[in-house]
Protein backbone atom coordinates (compact mmCIF):
# COMPACT_ATOMS: atom_id res chain seq x y z
CA MET A 1 -9.28 -2.80 -13.35
CA LEU A 2 -5.89 -1.83 -14.76
CA GLN A 3 -3.37 -0.95 -12.05
CA SER A 4 -0.54 1.48 -12.84
CA VAL A 5 3.04 1.05 -11.68
CA GLN A 6 6.00 3.33 -12.20
CA LEU A 7 9.35 1.51 -12.09
CA SER A 8 12.34 3.66 -11.27
CA ILE A 9 15.06 1.03 -11.03
CA THR A 10 18.62 1.63 -12.27
CA ASP A 11 19.40 -2.07 -12.84
CA GLY A 12 17.80 -2.72 -16.25
CA VAL A 13 17.85 -6.50 -15.88
CA TYR A 14 16.11 -6.37 -12.51
CA ALA A 15 13.56 -3.84 -13.82
CA ALA A 16 12.80 -6.17 -16.76
CA THR A 17 12.35 -9.07 -14.33
CA VAL A 18 9.84 -7.09 -12.27
CA ARG A 19 8.02 -5.94 -15.40
CA GLU A 20 7.82 -9.51 -16.73
CA ALA A 21 6.54 -10.86 -13.40
CA LEU A 22 3.81 -8.21 -13.23
CA SER A 23 2.72 -8.81 -16.81
CA ARG A 24 2.20 -12.53 -16.05
CA THR A 25 0.08 -12.03 -12.92
CA CYS A 26 -2.46 -9.25 -13.44
CA ALA A 27 -3.55 -6.41 -15.62
CA TRP A 28 -0.80 -3.89 -14.88
CA HIS A 29 0.22 -0.81 -16.80
CA VAL A 30 3.96 -0.69 -16.10
CA GLU A 31 5.98 2.36 -17.01
CA SER A 32 9.75 2.66 -16.59
CA VAL A 33 10.74 6.17 -15.55
CA ASP A 34 13.93 7.97 -14.54
CA CYS A 35 12.08 10.22 -12.13
CA PRO A 36 8.70 9.10 -10.73
CA ASP A 37 5.72 11.39 -11.21
CA LEU A 38 4.38 11.83 -7.68
CA THR A 39 1.15 13.40 -8.92
CA GLN A 40 -0.09 10.14 -10.44
CA GLN A 41 -2.18 7.77 -8.30
CA CYS A 42 -0.09 4.66 -8.86
CA VAL A 43 2.37 2.33 -7.20
CA LEU A 44 5.95 3.57 -7.23
CA VAL A 45 8.65 0.89 -7.27
CA LEU A 46 11.94 2.60 -6.48
CA ASP A 47 15.53 1.65 -5.90
CA GLU A 48 17.78 3.58 -3.49
CA GLN A 49 18.94 6.04 -6.16
CA ALA A 50 15.38 7.01 -7.15
CA PHE A 51 14.33 7.26 -3.51
CA ALA A 52 17.27 9.58 -2.74
CA ARG A 53 16.04 12.02 -5.43
CA LEU A 54 12.51 12.33 -4.03
CA PRO A 55 11.46 15.33 -1.94
CA LEU A 56 10.67 14.44 1.66
CA PRO A 57 8.24 14.13 3.33
CA LEU A 58 6.56 11.85 0.82
CA ALA A 59 2.92 12.31 0.00
CA ASN A 60 1.24 8.90 0.26
CA PRO A 61 4.31 6.85 1.21
CA GLU A 62 2.07 3.77 1.51
CA ARG A 63 2.10 3.47 -2.30
CA VAL A 64 5.91 3.19 -2.48
CA VAL A 65 7.73 -0.12 -2.74
CA LEU A 66 11.41 0.45 -1.96
CA ILE A 67 14.06 -1.96 -3.16
CA THR A 68 17.04 -1.45 -0.89
CA ARG A 69 19.90 -3.12 0.90
CA LYS A 70 19.20 -4.85 4.17
CA ASP A 71 21.30 -2.53 6.30
CA PRO A 72 20.11 -0.54 9.32
CA GLN A 73 20.69 2.90 7.77
CA SER A 74 18.68 2.15 4.61
CA MET A 75 15.88 0.58 6.63
CA ALA A 76 15.80 3.57 9.02
CA GLN A 77 15.53 6.02 6.10
CA ALA A 78 12.60 4.07 4.68
CA TRP A 79 10.93 3.92 8.11
CA GLU A 80 11.35 7.67 8.66
CA ALA A 81 9.84 8.37 5.23
CA GLY A 82 6.78 6.28 6.15
CA ILE A 83 7.40 3.54 3.58
CA VAL A 84 5.80 0.27 4.65
CA SER A 85 6.87 -1.96 1.72
CA VAL A 86 10.61 -2.55 1.70
CA VAL A 87 12.16 -5.43 -0.22
CA SER A 88 15.63 -6.44 -1.31
CA GLU A 89 16.95 -7.56 -4.70
CA GLU A 90 17.83 -10.82 -2.95
CA ASP A 91 14.16 -11.42 -2.10
CA PRO A 92 12.23 -13.77 -4.40
CA ILE A 93 10.36 -11.99 -7.19
CA SER A 94 7.12 -13.31 -5.68
CA THR A 95 7.85 -11.24 -2.55
CA VAL A 96 8.37 -8.14 -4.69
CA GLN A 97 5.09 -8.85 -6.50
CA LEU A 98 3.29 -9.23 -3.18
CA ALA A 99 4.66 -5.89 -1.98
CA ILE A 100 3.48 -4.22 -5.20
CA MET A 101 0.01 -5.76 -4.95
CA SER A 102 -0.25 -4.68 -1.31
CA ALA A 103 0.69 -1.12 -2.23
CA ALA A 104 -1.94 -1.14 -4.98
CA LEU A 105 -4.57 -2.24 -2.48
CA ARG A 106 -3.56 0.55 -0.11
CA ILE A 107 -4.03 3.08 -2.93
CA THR A 108 -7.55 1.88 -3.68
CA LYS A 109 -8.48 1.97 0.01
CA SER A 110 -6.89 5.32 0.87
CA PRO A 111 -9.22 7.95 2.42
CA GLU A 112 -8.59 10.39 -0.43
CA ARG A 113 -9.78 7.85 -3.02
CA ALA A 114 -12.83 6.93 -0.95
CA ALA A 115 -13.79 10.59 -0.56
CA ALA A 116 -13.31 11.22 -4.27
CA SER A 117 -15.53 8.28 -5.14
CA GLY A 118 -18.27 9.35 -2.78
CA LEU A 119 -17.90 6.28 -0.62
CA SER A 120 -16.66 8.16 2.40
CA PRO A 121 -19.08 8.50 5.30
CA SER A 122 -20.57 11.94 5.77
CA HIS A 123 -19.37 13.96 8.74
CA HIS A 124 -22.94 15.18 9.22
CA SER A 125 -24.47 11.77 9.80
CA GLU A 126 -26.18 10.99 13.06
CA SER A 127 -25.70 7.84 15.06
CA ALA A 128 -28.47 5.32 14.80
CA GLN A 129 -30.35 4.81 18.03
CA LEU A 130 -30.44 1.22 19.19
CA PRO A 131 -33.54 0.02 21.00
CA PRO A 132 -33.00 -1.03 24.63
CA GLU A 133 -32.63 -4.73 25.16
CA ASN A 134 -35.58 -6.51 26.69
CA ARG A 135 -34.05 -8.02 29.77
CA THR A 136 -35.48 -9.06 33.03
CA PHE A 137 -33.19 -8.63 35.95
CA GLY A 138 -34.85 -11.11 38.32
CA SER A 139 -32.98 -14.03 39.81
CA LYS A 140 -32.68 -17.16 37.78
CA ARG A 141 -32.52 -20.63 39.17
CA CYS A 142 -30.65 -23.56 37.79
CA LYS A 143 -32.17 -27.00 38.06
CA PHE A 144 -29.92 -29.97 38.54
CA GLN A 145 -31.27 -33.48 38.20
């Protein structure tokens, strides 16, 4: 299955590093964009500048990987937007890859995707009745020898 990623990273060298790392690990369709297309079901890898241009609240913030500074204000903004994958340029590229892969897994397991694929449980289903357990409630004795 080909996963899609939109990279909106101002630093061209860092964007190329992320692109190269993704191309070595899995089947990824990586697209560099100035402004991410929020209507696409893909992972969005954003730097602070791209994140600042997005309308809030974010739809599906679990699919965003934010590359930001490790300062309290930046972290608080990400937290308030609902972003769960936050990394820094100082983090190893393997950490960035892991964050991207995690976001991709969250997309494939989101309730909207499950409902669209027909894998969502029906709201009209009835609970299965479990048979009563066959237990005897008499006293039991222990034998010691």
